Amino acid sequence: MAAESPEGASSFQGVPHNLEAEQALLGALLLNNKTYESVAEFLRPEHFSHDIHGKIYTAMETLIGRGEVADPITLKAYFEGSEELVSVGGAGYLVDLAASVITLGPVEDYGRLIRDLYVRRQIIALGEEAVGHARTFTPEETAFQQVEVLETKLFELASTGVVQQGVIPFEKALISAIDMAEKAYKRDSHVSGITTGLVDVDRWTGGLHPSDLVILAGRPSMGKTALAMNIGYNSALAALKKTGGGGSVIFFSLEMSAEQLATRLLAQESGIPSDRIRRGEIKKENFATFVEVSRTLTRLPFLIDDTAALTVSALRTRARRAKRKYGVDLIIIDYLQLLSPPMNKRIDSRVQEISEITRALKALAKDLNVPILALSQLSRAVEQRDDKRPQLSDLRESGSIEQDADIVMFIYREEYYEARKEPSPQSDKHIEWQKRMAAVYNLADLIIAKQRHGPVGTLRLLYDCKMTKFSNYQEMGRIAAHG
């Protein structure tokens, strides 16, 4: 005996739905509560096309969750006095659902069909909503903002019903950790994450790990953008050459244009200063190298988004789109303080703004399961001290930057400060100054001030200011570690 369709079912004409599949699934669950486990992870009450079916499913979830039996009798008591159940035939409808079951076999298939039809209904609703919004002009909301809102809703819809990892046995977590260590062991560099291309940085961090938020901070002119570009380039090049530890990169540049960033990469890899490239002053003997480098760069899995004044929500939408379309493995943001918080949130202070932004970036890193390298400015307090080496307390509007970040690194170049102390060339102090300059020439310190997964310390790097390029410091004893 088949259960009759609920009243109001005719209103679903032309809309994707399958009342028979919903009835069959509910009937199977009423007959055998154990079959609930096969759909519990992905099926939600709102996925049902008819309200009463969703409410029956909710009632069953509640009873089964309490360890009680969910059948027509217990559900009749649950819905006692409910006009909703009366509208479809009362307790007799529950009996009919159980009696209409032919087999318990395809319960999971029914569940997935119900969810699929729900998604289709939502797509139709979103389309109609988008059309309505597009036809309505308001000065407060631009067309591009409407696109961002629609993309966000579509992404959320695409994630509907996705099984989250949830609670897992420790054995499974341990196997994953051992598998990661084994992969790192088999690589010559012993990098388990995305490589930075810098030997000492990879050795200390194991690379940039999925779901990690990494902060790279420094005062202006320390080379933050240059180091971030170097890391992104090294990662993309390793992916291109399939040497291990590489990954495709998206670089969100809120300060520099895509052309400026591309010129920097051309300069650092060709050895031709960027100002000469911009002026077209390329010597004939360097032209072949320039062309070869250009060909390599065009094949890199490296994306640049140089949109200024991005909001966090817009960045999230673009990052998700890039992840779906290009399989992005590393996100770089230059820089954090240029991002705007979500427009629909009231923010009372700049510290609260930065806190909202860092929390959103950490959530995005976990959501996409990729590392995010975000650059950050430091406060002017650094300049007031004799020792200009950055500290965690120097993070501008620090709020939750230190708290949310998995790694905090500072870039410091003593050469920059020493160059501004030059005494008069005719003075006796000038020779001493030249010696100090020679000792710090083209050197930079990368200070790892916080690392959840490893040690803190100071690593030395080489920095070619003309080429804006960081590279490995090759001398023995190159790490001056502490902590």
Protein backbone atom coordinates (compact mmCIF):
# COMPACT_ATOMS: atom_id res chain seq x y z
CA MET A 1 0.00 0.00 0.00
CA ALA A 2 1.51 3.30 -1.07
CA ALA A 3 1.25 6.37 1.13
CA GLU A 4 -0.90 9.10 -0.37
CA SER A 5 0.80 12.35 -1.35
CA PRO A 6 0.49 15.10 1.28
CA GLU A 7 -1.93 17.92 0.62
CA GLY A 8 -0.26 20.80 -1.18
CA ALA A 9 1.93 18.48 -3.24
CA SER A 10 0.44 19.96 -6.40
CA SER A 11 2.20 23.24 -5.58
CA PHE A 12 5.48 21.52 -6.47
CA GLN A 13 4.55 21.11 -10.13
CA GLY A 14 7.44 22.21 -12.33
CA VAL A 15 9.85 22.28 -9.37
CA PRO A 16 12.40 19.43 -8.99
CA HIS A 17 11.12 17.09 -6.27
CA ASN A 18 10.32 13.42 -5.67
CA LEU A 19 7.70 12.85 -2.98
CA GLU A 20 7.82 9.07 -3.53
CA ALA A 21 11.55 8.96 -2.74
CA GLU A 22 10.96 11.02 0.42
CA GLN A 23 8.13 8.72 1.51
CA ALA A 24 10.19 5.60 0.77
CA LEU A 25 13.15 6.91 2.78
CA LEU A 26 11.06 7.90 5.78
CA GLY A 27 9.22 4.58 5.68
CA ALA A 28 12.52 2.66 5.63
CA LEU A 29 13.81 4.64 8.61
CA LEU A 30 10.57 3.96 10.52
CA LEU A 31 10.93 0.22 9.89
CA ASN A 32 14.63 0.07 10.78
CA ASN A 33 16.20 2.95 12.70
CA LYS A 34 19.71 1.59 12.01
CA THR A 35 19.42 2.70 8.37
CA TYR A 36 19.51 6.30 9.65
CA GLU A 37 23.31 5.98 9.93
CA SER A 38 23.61 5.69 6.14
CA VAL A 39 22.11 9.15 5.56
CA ALA A 40 22.81 11.01 8.82
CA GLU A 41 26.08 12.56 7.56
CA PHE A 42 24.63 14.36 4.55
CA LEU A 43 20.82 14.53 4.70
CA ARG A 44 19.21 17.48 6.46
CA PRO A 45 15.53 18.22 7.25
CA GLU A 46 15.54 21.23 4.89
CA HIS A 47 16.45 18.93 1.97
CA PHE A 48 12.90 17.52 1.88
CA SER A 49 10.54 19.21 -0.56
CA HIS A 50 7.51 19.00 1.76
CA ASP A 51 7.61 20.64 5.21
CA ILE A 52 5.93 17.75 7.02
CA HIS A 53 8.51 15.27 5.67
CA GLY A 54 11.30 17.49 7.02
CA LYS A 55 9.56 17.69 10.39
CA ILE A 56 9.07 13.91 10.55
CA TYR A 57 12.78 13.49 9.74
CA THR A 58 13.68 16.01 12.47
CA ALA A 59 11.55 14.15 15.01
CA MET A 60 13.25 10.88 14.07
CA GLU A 61 16.70 12.51 14.41
CA THR A 62 15.76 13.70 17.90
CA LEU A 63 14.43 10.33 19.08
CA ILE A 64 17.26 8.27 17.57
CA GLY A 65 19.80 10.76 18.96
CA ARG A 66 18.40 10.14 22.45
CA GLY A 67 18.71 6.38 21.96
CA GLU A 68 14.94 5.93 21.69
CA VAL A 69 12.93 4.08 19.06
CA ALA A 70 11.42 6.15 16.26
CA ASP A 71 8.36 4.40 14.85
CA PRO A 72 4.73 5.34 14.05
CA ILE A 73 3.72 4.92 17.70
CA THR A 74 6.48 7.08 19.27
CA LEU A 75 6.16 9.66 16.52
CA LYS A 76 2.39 9.85 17.10
CA ALA A 77 3.15 10.83 20.70
CA TYR A 78 5.82 13.28 19.50
CA PHE A 79 3.34 15.03 17.19
CA GLU A 80 0.49 14.93 19.75
CA GLY A 81 -1.75 17.91 19.12
CA SER A 82 0.18 18.93 16.01
CA GLU A 83 -2.03 20.33 13.26
CA GLU A 84 0.78 19.76 10.75
CA LEU A 85 0.52 15.99 10.98
CA VAL A 86 -3.28 16.19 10.98
CA SER A 87 -3.09 18.08 7.67
CA VAL A 88 -1.61 15.01 5.96
CA GLY A 89 -3.84 12.39 7.56
CA GLY A 90 -2.64 12.25 11.14
CA ALA A 91 -1.00 9.18 12.68
CA GLY A 92 -2.42 7.07 9.83
CA TYR A 93 0.06 8.78 7.46
CA LEU A 94 2.98 7.51 9.57
CA VAL A 95 1.57 3.97 9.42
CA ASP A 96 1.12 4.29 5.66
CA LEU A 97 4.77 5.43 5.25
CA ALA A 98 6.06 2.32 7.04
CA ALA A 99 3.61 0.01 5.25
CA SER A 100 4.59 1.32 1.80
CA VAL A 101 8.22 0.12 2.08
CA ILE A 102 9.14 -2.60 -0.40
CA THR A 103 12.86 -2.91 0.41
CA LEU A 104 15.38 -1.32 2.79
CA GLY A 105 18.19 -1.56 0.24
CA PRO A 106 18.45 1.84 -1.51
CA VAL A 107 18.01 4.12 1.53
CA GLU A 108 21.29 5.98 0.89
CA ASP A 109 20.43 6.37 -2.82
CA TYR A 110 17.06 7.87 -1.89
CA GLY A 111 18.82 10.26 0.49
CA ARG A 112 21.28 11.46 -2.17
CA LEU A 113 18.45 11.92 -4.67
CA ILE A 114 16.51 14.03 -2.16
CA ARG A 115 19.57 16.18 -1.49
CA ASP A 116 20.31 16.56 -5.22
CA LEU A 117 16.76 17.75 -5.89
CA TYR A 118 17.04 20.21 -3.00
CA VAL A 119 20.19 21.71 -4.53
CA ARG A 120 18.40 22.05 -7.86
CA ARG A 121 15.53 23.92 -6.18
CA GLN A 122 18.02 26.23 -4.51
CA ILE A 123 19.74 26.93 -7.84
CA ILE A 124 16.37 27.96 -9.29
CA ALA A 125 15.66 30.17 -6.26
CA LEU A 126 19.09 31.80 -6.45
CA GLY A 127 18.62 32.45 -10.15
CA GLU A 128 15.27 34.11 -9.57
CA GLU A 129 16.69 36.14 -6.68
CA ALA A 130 19.66 37.24 -8.82
CA VAL A 131 17.34 38.35 -11.61
CA GLY A 132 15.26 40.37 -9.14
CA HIS A 133 18.31 42.05 -7.62
CA ALA A 134 19.81 42.80 -11.03
CA ARG A 135 16.60 44.55 -12.08
CA THR A 136 16.62 46.68 -8.92
CA PHE A 137 19.11 49.55 -8.87
CA THR A 138 20.33 50.87 -5.51
CA PRO A 139 23.31 53.24 -5.06
CA GLU A 140 24.44 51.29 -1.99
CA GLU A 141 24.99 48.03 -3.89
CA THR A 142 26.94 47.88 -7.14
CA ALA A 143 26.54 45.15 -9.75
CA PHE A 144 29.96 43.75 -8.80
CA GLN A 145 28.89 43.49 -5.16
CA GLN A 146 25.80 41.58 -6.32
CA VAL A 147 28.08 39.19 -8.24
CA GLU A 148 30.21 38.63 -5.11
CA VAL A 149 27.13 37.89 -2.99
CA LEU A 150 25.82 35.48 -5.62
CA GLU A 151 29.18 33.70 -5.93
CA THR A 152 29.36 33.31 -2.15
CA LYS A 153 25.87 31.79 -2.03
CA LEU A 154 26.69 29.44 -4.92
CA PHE A 155 29.85 28.27 -3.17
CA GLU A 156 27.92 27.65 0.03
CA LEU A 157 25.33 25.75 -1.99
CA ALA A 158 28.05 23.67 -3.66
CA SER A 159 29.20 22.70 -0.17
CA THR A 160 25.71 21.65 0.98
CA GLY A 161 25.70 18.17 2.36
CA VAL A 162 29.45 17.73 2.07
CA VAL A 163 30.54 15.29 4.75
CA GLN A 164 32.73 17.02 7.31
CA GLN A 165 35.53 15.05 8.89
CA GLY A 166 34.05 15.42 12.37
CA VAL A 167 35.19 13.02 15.06
CA ILE A 168 37.83 10.54 13.87
CA PRO A 169 39.61 7.72 15.73
CA PHE A 170 43.13 8.58 16.92
CA GLU A 171 44.41 5.66 14.85
CA LYS A 172 43.27 7.39 11.65
CA ALA A 173 44.88 10.68 12.68
CA LEU A 174 48.10 8.84 13.51
CA ILE A 175 48.15 7.11 10.13
CA SER A 176 47.74 10.50 8.40
CA ALA A 177 50.63 11.96 10.41
CA ILE A 178 52.89 8.99 9.59
CA ASP A 179 51.95 9.23 5.91
CA MET A 180 52.89 12.93 5.88
CA ALA A 181 56.22 12.17 7.56
CA GLU A 182 56.93 9.38 5.08
CA LYS A 183 56.33 11.69 2.10
CA ALA A 184 58.63 14.30 3.63
CA TYR A 185 61.30 11.65 4.28
CA LYS A 186 61.25 10.53 0.66
CA ARG A 187 61.84 14.09 -0.55
CA ASP A 188 65.44 15.25 -0.64
CA SER A 189 64.44 18.50 1.05
CA HIS A 190 62.35 16.74 3.75
CA VAL A 191 59.58 19.28 3.11
CA SER A 192 56.11 18.07 4.06
CA GLY A 193 54.28 21.24 2.97
CA ILE A 194 54.64 23.76 0.14
CA THR A 195 58.29 24.63 -0.38
CA THR A 196 59.55 28.18 0.07
CA GLY A 197 62.59 27.42 -2.08
CA LEU A 198 64.81 28.63 0.79
CA VAL A 199 66.72 25.73 2.36
CA ASP A 200 66.91 26.97 5.94
CA VAL A 201 63.30 28.18 6.01
CA ASP A 202 62.10 24.79 4.73
CA ARG A 203 64.31 23.01 7.24
CA TRP A 204 62.85 24.93 10.16
CA THR A 205 59.21 24.97 9.09
CA GLY A 206 58.93 21.86 6.89
CA GLY A 207 57.42 24.17 4.28
CA LEU A 208 54.08 25.98 4.41
CA HIS A 209 51.41 23.58 5.60
CA PRO A 210 47.75 23.31 4.48
CA SER A 211 45.28 25.26 6.67
CA ASP A 212 48.08 27.34 8.23
CA LEU A 213 47.95 31.14 8.42
CA VAL A 214 51.50 32.46 8.08
CA ILE A 215 52.23 36.13 8.84
CA LEU A 216 55.30 37.79 7.30
CA ALA A 217 55.79 41.22 8.87
CA GLY A 218 58.31 44.03 8.66
CA ARG A 219 58.80 47.77 8.42
CA PRO A 220 58.66 49.46 4.99
CA SER A 221 61.63 48.75 2.67
CA MET A 222 62.59 45.54 4.51
CA GLY A 223 61.62 43.41 1.48
CA LYS A 224 58.31 41.83 2.51
CA THR A 225 56.83 41.85 -0.99
CA ALA A 226 60.11 40.65 -2.51
CA LEU A 227 60.34 37.69 -0.11
CA ALA A 228 56.67 36.79 -0.65
CA MET A 229 57.18 36.92 -4.42
CA ASN A 230 60.30 34.78 -4.13
CA ILE A 231 58.42 32.16 -2.08
CA GLY A 232 55.51 32.18 -4.53
CA TYR A 233 57.82 31.89 -7.53
CA ASN A 234 59.83 29.05 -5.96
CA SER A 235 56.66 27.13 -5.16
CA ALA A 236 55.22 27.59 -8.66
CA LEU A 237 58.55 26.69 -10.29
CA ALA A 238 58.78 23.48 -8.22
CA ALA A 239 55.26 22.60 -9.40
CA LEU A 240 56.21 23.34 -13.02
CA LYS A 241 59.33 21.19 -12.82
CA LYS A 242 57.64 18.55 -10.64
CA THR A 243 60.58 18.53 -8.22
CA GLY A 244 58.39 18.02 -5.14
CA GLY A 245 56.88 20.43 -2.63
CA GLY A 246 55.60 22.76 -5.33
CA GLY A 247 52.14 24.14 -5.81
CA SER A 248 50.14 26.63 -7.85
CA VAL A 249 49.95 30.11 -6.36
CA ILE A 250 47.55 33.05 -6.31
CA PHE A 251 49.05 36.39 -5.27
CA PHE A 252 46.59 39.07 -4.10
CA SER A 253 48.45 42.36 -4.53
CA LEU A 254 46.53 45.24 -2.98
CA GLU A 255 49.43 47.66 -3.33
CA MET A 256 51.46 46.90 -6.48
CA SER A 257 50.12 46.29 -9.99
CA ALA A 258 50.42 42.96 -11.78
CA GLU A 259 52.80 44.59 -14.27
CA GLN A 260 55.12 45.75 -11.49
CA LEU A 261 55.18 42.28 -9.92
CA ALA A 262 55.86 40.65 -13.30
CA THR A 263 58.73 43.08 -13.92
CA ARG A 264 60.22 42.14 -10.54
CA LEU A 265 60.14 38.46 -11.42
CA LEU A 266 61.69 39.13 -14.81
CA ALA A 267 64.46 41.14 -13.15
CA GLN A 268 65.30 38.63 -10.44
CA GLU A 269 65.43 35.67 -12.81
CA SER A 270 67.15 37.35 -15.76
CA GLY A 271 69.63 39.35 -13.72
CA ILE A 272 68.61 42.56 -15.51
CA PRO A 273 67.60 45.37 -13.11
CA SER A 274 63.89 46.17 -13.22
CA ASP A 275 64.44 49.86 -14.01
CA ARG A 276 66.37 48.88 -17.17
CA ILE A 277 63.61 46.45 -18.16
CA ARG A 278 61.01 49.20 -17.78
CA ARG A 279 63.08 51.53 -19.96
CA GLY A 280 63.76 48.79 -22.52
CA GLU A 281 67.53 49.00 -21.94
CA ILE A 282 68.34 45.34 -22.49
CA LYS A 283 71.80 44.62 -23.87
CA LYS A 284 72.08 42.39 -26.91
CA GLU A 285 74.11 39.77 -25.03
CA ASN A 286 71.37 39.58 -22.34
CA PHE A 287 68.45 39.33 -24.72
CA ALA A 288 68.58 35.52 -25.19
CA THR A 289 68.49 35.04 -21.39
CA PHE A 290 65.64 37.52 -21.11
CA VAL A 291 63.57 35.64 -23.71
CA GLU A 292 64.27 32.25 -22.11
CA VAL A 293 63.25 33.50 -18.66
CA SER A 294 60.10 35.04 -20.15
CA ARG A 295 59.11 31.70 -21.66
CA THR A 296 59.53 29.93 -18.33
CA LEU A 297 57.52 32.56 -16.47
CA THR A 298 54.59 32.28 -18.91
CA ARG A 299 54.24 28.58 -18.02
CA LEU A 300 54.27 29.10 -14.26
CA PRO A 301 51.11 28.13 -12.31
CA PHE A 302 51.12 31.65 -10.84
CA LEU A 303 48.02 33.88 -10.70
CA ILE A 304 47.93 37.58 -9.78
CA ASP A 305 44.90 39.56 -8.61
CA ASP A 306 45.85 43.24 -8.27
CA THR A 307 42.39 44.57 -7.37
CA ALA A 308 42.74 47.41 -4.86
CA ALA A 309 40.63 47.81 -1.70
CA LEU A 310 39.36 44.21 -1.60
CA THR A 311 37.01 43.21 1.19
CA VAL A 312 37.62 39.95 3.01
CA SER A 313 34.40 38.52 1.56
CA ALA A 314 35.48 39.45 -2.00
CA LEU A 315 38.91 37.90 -1.46
CA ARG A 316 37.29 34.75 -0.07
CA THR A 317 35.03 34.49 -3.12
CA ARG A 318 37.94 34.96 -5.54
CA ALA A 319 40.15 32.50 -3.68
CA ARG A 320 37.42 29.84 -3.73
CA ARG A 321 36.87 30.42 -7.45
CA ALA A 322 40.62 30.10 -8.12
CA LYS A 323 40.75 26.93 -6.01
CA ARG A 324 37.94 25.36 -8.04
CA LYS A 325 39.25 26.50 -11.43
CA TYR A 326 43.02 26.23 -11.04
CA GLY A 327 43.55 24.02 -8.00
CA VAL A 328 45.43 26.71 -6.05
CA ASP A 329 47.82 25.36 -3.38
CA LEU A 330 49.14 28.60 -1.84
CA ILE A 331 47.50 32.00 -1.27
CA ILE A 332 49.65 35.11 -0.74
CA ILE A 333 48.17 38.45 0.38
CA ASP A 334 50.08 41.74 0.16
CA TYR A 335 49.15 43.10 2.58
CA LEU A 336 46.80 42.46 5.49
CA GLN A 337 46.16 46.08 6.58
CA LEU A 338 44.92 47.00 3.07
CA LEU A 339 42.05 44.52 3.30
CA SER A 340 38.62 45.78 4.33
CA PRO A 341 36.43 43.87 6.81
CA PRO A 342 33.06 42.40 5.74
CA MET A 343 30.70 45.22 4.72
CA ASN A 344 27.74 43.77 6.61
CA LYS A 345 29.50 43.88 9.99
CA ARG A 346 29.64 46.84 12.33
CA ILE A 347 33.23 47.45 13.40
CA ASP A 348 34.00 49.88 16.23
CA SER A 349 37.80 50.06 16.04
CA ARG A 350 40.75 49.33 13.76
CA VAL A 351 41.95 46.62 16.15
CA GLN A 352 38.56 44.91 15.85
CA GLU A 353 38.75 45.25 12.05
CA ILE A 354 42.11 43.49 11.91
CA SER A 355 40.84 40.82 14.30
CA GLU A 356 37.87 40.13 12.00
CA ILE A 357 40.21 39.97 8.98
CA THR A 358 42.72 37.55 10.55
CA ARG A 359 39.94 35.28 11.81
CA ALA A 360 38.43 35.24 8.32
CA LEU A 361 41.81 34.41 6.73
CA LYS A 362 42.44 31.57 9.18
CA ALA A 363 38.95 30.19 8.47
CA LEU A 364 39.60 30.45 4.72
CA ALA A 365 42.90 28.58 5.06
CA LYS A 366 41.09 25.74 6.86
CA ASP A 367 38.14 25.85 4.47
CA LEU A 368 40.30 25.52 1.32
CA ASN A 369 42.97 23.43 3.08
CA VAL A 370 45.80 25.59 1.75
CA PRO A 371 48.43 27.74 3.50
CA ILE A 372 47.84 31.49 3.44
CA LEU A 373 50.88 33.76 3.58
CA ALA A 374 49.71 37.23 4.62
CA LEU A 375 52.06 40.21 4.77
CA SER A 376 51.70 42.71 7.60
CA GLN A 377 53.04 46.13 8.49
CA LEU A 378 54.73 46.81 11.83
CA SER A 379 54.03 49.77 14.08
CA ARG A 380 56.39 52.77 14.25
CA ALA A 381 57.37 51.71 17.76
CA VAL A 382 60.26 49.83 16.12
CA GLU A 383 61.83 53.11 15.02
CA GLN A 384 61.81 54.50 18.56
CA ARG A 385 64.14 51.78 19.87
CA ASP A 386 67.91 51.54 19.53
CA ASP A 387 67.48 47.86 18.63
CA LYS A 388 65.32 47.87 15.51
CA ARG A 389 64.77 44.11 15.47
CA PRO A 390 61.00 43.45 15.40
CA GLN A 391 59.10 41.79 18.23
CA LEU A 392 55.62 40.27 18.39
CA SER A 393 54.39 43.35 20.24
CA ASP A 394 55.30 45.46 17.17
CA LEU A 395 52.54 43.96 15.01
CA ARG A 396 50.41 46.90 13.98
CA GLU A 397 46.85 46.76 15.41
CA SER A 398 47.97 43.33 16.58
CA GLY A 399 44.61 42.33 18.06
CA SER A 400 44.36 38.68 17.08
CA ILE A 401 47.17 38.53 14.48
CA GLU A 402 49.52 36.74 16.86
CA GLN A 403 46.69 34.60 18.24
CA ASP A 404 45.27 33.45 14.88
CA ALA A 405 48.59 32.93 13.08
CA ASP A 406 50.29 29.55 13.07
CA ILE A 407 53.63 31.12 12.13
CA VAL A 408 54.79 34.72 12.59
CA MET A 409 57.97 35.74 10.78
CA PHE A 410 59.75 39.12 10.69
CA ILE A 411 62.11 40.30 7.98
CA TYR A 412 64.92 42.57 9.20
CA ARG A 413 67.79 44.13 7.25
CA GLU A 414 70.41 45.92 9.34
CA GLU A 415 71.96 47.25 6.13
CA TYR A 416 68.90 49.47 5.62
CA TYR A 417 69.36 51.20 8.98
CA GLU A 418 73.15 51.30 8.83
CA ALA A 419 73.08 53.01 5.42
CA ARG A 420 71.18 55.92 7.01
CA LYS A 421 73.94 56.49 9.58
CA GLU A 422 76.63 57.40 7.07
CA PRO A 423 78.93 60.04 8.56
CA SER A 424 80.72 62.71 6.57
CA PRO A 425 83.18 61.12 4.09
CA GLN A 426 85.92 63.38 5.46
CA SER A 427 85.45 62.20 9.05
CA ASP A 428 87.43 59.52 10.90
CA LYS A 429 84.17 57.63 11.58
CA HIS A 430 83.55 56.99 7.89
CA ILE A 431 86.08 54.12 7.69
CA GLU A 432 84.45 52.43 10.69
CA TRP A 433 81.05 52.91 9.06
CA GLN A 434 82.31 51.32 5.82
CA LYS A 435 83.46 48.26 7.81
CA ARG A 436 80.05 47.95 9.45
CA MET A 437 78.35 48.27 6.04
CA ALA A 438 80.61 45.57 4.57
CA ALA A 439 79.66 43.22 7.43
CA VAL A 440 75.92 43.53 6.74
CA TYR A 441 75.97 44.07 2.98
CA ASN A 442 73.24 42.08 1.15
CA LEU A 443 72.26 40.23 4.35
CA ALA A 444 68.82 39.83 5.87
CA ASP A 445 67.53 38.10 9.00
CA LEU A 446 64.28 36.15 8.98
CA ILE A 447 63.07 36.00 12.57
CA ILE A 448 60.64 33.17 13.29
CA ALA A 449 58.96 34.63 16.38
CA LYS A 450 56.12 32.11 16.62
CA GLN A 451 55.61 28.63 15.23
CA ARG A 452 52.96 26.23 16.48
CA HIS A 453 54.62 23.20 14.94
CA GLY A 454 58.31 23.88 15.50
CA PRO A 455 61.12 25.98 16.96
CA VAL A 456 61.60 29.73 16.89
CA GLY A 457 64.85 31.38 15.91
CA THR A 458 66.66 33.60 13.42
CA LEU A 459 67.69 32.50 9.94
CA ARG A 460 70.08 34.42 7.71
CA LEU A 461 69.31 35.06 4.05
CA LEU A 462 71.03 36.84 1.19
CA TYR A 463 69.19 39.80 -0.33
CA ASP A 464 70.08 41.38 -3.64
CA CYS A 465 68.50 44.83 -3.40
CA LYS A 466 68.89 45.64 -7.11
CA MET A 467 67.15 42.42 -8.16
CA THR A 468 64.80 42.35 -5.13
CA LYS A 469 65.75 38.70 -4.70
CA PHE A 470 66.23 36.61 -1.56
CA SER A 471 68.38 33.48 -1.71
CA ASN A 472 70.07 30.96 0.56
CA TYR A 473 72.93 32.02 2.83
CA GLN A 474 75.60 29.49 1.97
CA GLU A 475 78.25 29.92 4.68
CA MET A 476 78.72 27.35 7.43
CA GLY A 477 77.04 28.20 10.70
CA ARG A 478 74.48 30.27 8.88
CA ILE A 479 71.74 29.81 11.49
CA ALA A 480 71.96 31.86 14.63
CA ALA A 481 69.21 30.08 16.53
CA HIS A 482 67.73 30.90 19.87
CA GLY A 483 64.81 29.61 21.94
